[in-house]
C-alpha atoms as a PDB file:
ATOM      1  CA  UNK A   1      23.068  34.165  25.267  1.00  0.00           C
ATOM      2  CA  UNK A   2      19.732  34.006  23.481  1.00  0.00           C
ATOM      3  CA  UNK A   3      20.990  31.313  21.106  1.00  0.00           C
ATOM      4  CA  UNK A   4      22.078  29.131  24.020  1.00  0.00           C
ATOM      5  CA  UNK A   5      18.644  29.459  25.594  1.00  0.00           C
ATOM      6  CA  UNK A   6      16.949  28.499  22.325  1.00  0.00           C
ATOM      7  CA  UNK A   7      19.257  25.498  21.875  1.00  0.00           C
ATOM      8  CA  UNK A   8      18.672  24.325  25.424  1.00  0.00           C
ATOM      9  CA  UNK A   9      14.930  24.788  25.036  1.00  0.00           C
ATOM     10  CA  UNK A  10      14.951  22.813  21.790  1.00  0.00           C
ATOM     11  CA  UNK A  11      16.846  19.927  23.349  1.00  0.00           C
ATOM     12  CA  UNK A  12      14.627  19.904  26.427  1.00  0.00           C
ATOM     13  CA  UNK A  13      11.510  19.968  24.262  1.00  0.00           C
ATOM     14  CA  UNK A  14      12.794  17.008  22.270  1.00  0.00           C
ATOM     15  CA  UNK A  15      13.554  15.035  25.427  1.00  0.00           C
ATOM     16  CA  UNK A  16      10.153  15.751  26.968  1.00  0.00           C
ATOM     17  CA  UNK A  17       8.335  14.957  23.721  1.00  0.00           C
ATOM     18  CA  UNK A  18      10.147  11.661  23.290  1.00  0.00           C
ATOM     19  CA  UNK A  19       9.653  10.683  26.940  1.00  0.00           C
ATOM     20  CA  UNK A  20       6.028  11.743  26.922  1.00  0.00           C
ATOM     21  CA  UNK A  21       4.986   9.654  23.950  1.00  0.00           C
ATOM     22  CA  UNK A  22       2.721   7.225  25.760  1.00  0.00           C
ATOM     23  CA  UNK A  23       1.600   5.820  22.429  1.00  0.00           C
ATOM     24  CA  UNK A  24       5.178   5.176  21.254  1.00  0.00           C
ATOM     25  CA  UNK A  25       4.683   1.393  21.582  1.00  0.00           C
ATOM     26  CA  UNK A  26       1.630   1.406  19.340  1.00  0.00           C
ATOM     27  CA  UNK A  27       3.329   3.439  16.601  1.00  0.00           C
ATOM     28  CA  UNK A  28       4.613   1.815  13.436  1.00  0.00           C
ATOM     29  CA  UNK A  29       8.316   1.846  12.636  1.00  0.00           C
ATOM     30  CA  UNK A  30       7.655   4.460   9.954  1.00  0.00           C
ATOM     31  CA  UNK A  31       5.901   6.759  12.417  1.00  0.00           C
ATOM     32  CA  UNK A  32       8.686   6.379  14.973  1.00  0.00           C
ATOM     33  CA  UNK A  33      11.235   7.219  12.288  1.00  0.00           C
ATOM     34  CA  UNK A  34       9.297  10.343  11.300  1.00  0.00           C
ATOM     35  CA  UNK A  35       9.041  11.568  14.897  1.00  0.00           C
ATOM     36  CA  UNK A  36      12.721  10.919  15.543  1.00  0.00           C
ATOM     37  CA  UNK A  37      13.709  12.600  12.277  1.00  0.00           C
ATOM     38  CA  UNK A  38      11.609  15.646  13.078  1.00  0.00           C
ATOM     39  CA  UNK A  39      13.175  15.966  16.518  1.00  0.00           C
ATOM     40  CA  UNK A  40      16.725  15.607  15.266  1.00  0.00           C
ATOM     41  CA  UNK A  41      16.035  17.895  12.312  1.00  0.00           C
ATOM     42  CA  UNK A  42      14.614  20.575  14.585  1.00  0.00           C
ATOM     43  CA  UNK A  43      17.643  20.481  16.839  1.00  0.00           C
ATOM     44  CA  UNK A  44      20.014  20.509  13.852  1.00  0.00           C
ATOM     45  CA  UNK A  45      18.122  23.418  12.278  1.00  0.00           C
ATOM     46  CA  UNK A  46      18.320  25.381  15.525  1.00  0.00           C
ATOM     47  CA  UNK A  47      22.047  24.772  15.836  1.00  0.00           C
ATOM     48  CA  UNK A  48      22.801  25.638  12.211  1.00  0.00           C
ATOM     49  CA  UNK A  49      20.800  28.888  12.282  1.00  0.00           C
ATOM     50  CA  UNK A  50      21.868  29.868  15.823  1.00  0.00           C
ATOM     51  CA  UNK A  51      18.374  29.411  17.197  1.00  0.00           C
ATOM     52  CA  UNK A  52      16.435  30.827  14.274  1.00  0.00           C
ATOM     53  CA  UNK A  53      12.753  29.961  14.324  1.00  0.00           C
ATOM     54  CA  UNK A  54      12.555  29.280  10.594  1.00  0.00           C
ATOM     55  CA  UNK A  55      15.666  27.096  10.753  1.00  0.00           C
ATOM     56  CA  UNK A  56      14.252  25.087  13.634  1.00  0.00           C
ATOM     57  CA  UNK A  57      10.849  24.590  12.010  1.00  0.00           C
ATOM     58  CA  UNK A  58      12.377  23.936   8.598  1.00  0.00           C
ATOM     59  CA  UNK A  59      14.798  21.413  10.058  1.00  0.00           C
ATOM     60  CA  UNK A  60      11.967  19.634  11.840  1.00  0.00           C
ATOM     61  CA  UNK A  61       9.902  19.485   8.661  1.00  0.00           C
ATOM     62  CA  UNK A  62      12.761  18.200   6.538  1.00  0.00           C
ATOM     63  CA  UNK A  63      13.823  15.743   9.249  1.00  0.00           C
ATOM     64  CA  UNK A  64      10.286  14.405   9.531  1.00  0.00           C
ATOM     65  CA  UNK A  65      10.061  13.769   5.804  1.00  0.00           C
ATOM     66  CA  UNK A  66      13.483  12.114   5.687  1.00  0.00           C
ATOM     67  CA  UNK A  67      12.669   9.976   8.732  1.00  0.00           C
ATOM     68  CA  UNK A  68       9.363   8.942   7.173  1.00  0.00           C
ATOM     69  CA  UNK A  69      11.067   7.873   3.963  1.00  0.00           C
ATOM     70  CA  UNK A  70      13.757   5.941   5.827  1.00  0.00           C
ATOM     71  CA  UNK A  71      11.127   4.217   7.967  1.00  0.00           C
ATOM     72  CA  UNK A  72       9.147   3.247   4.868  1.00  0.00           C
ATOM     73  CA  UNK A  73      11.897   0.904   3.734  1.00  0.00           C
ATOM     74  CA  UNK A  74      11.933  -1.149   6.928  1.00  0.00           C
END
């Protein structure tokens, strides 16, 4: 039950963060890629570790770095 709550909270946080980015239009492609990567990485980390805090934070950090590197090439 706790894992489902953490997963739902993670997804809702991602949705609110993405929707609430008022400065999204002024961000570079690289910055948008990093934010998107961090969000997806955080959700993936939470799912893989069944809602573990370290997995969620680690996934967000790794996703942000990967997204930044992908965005650099565009």
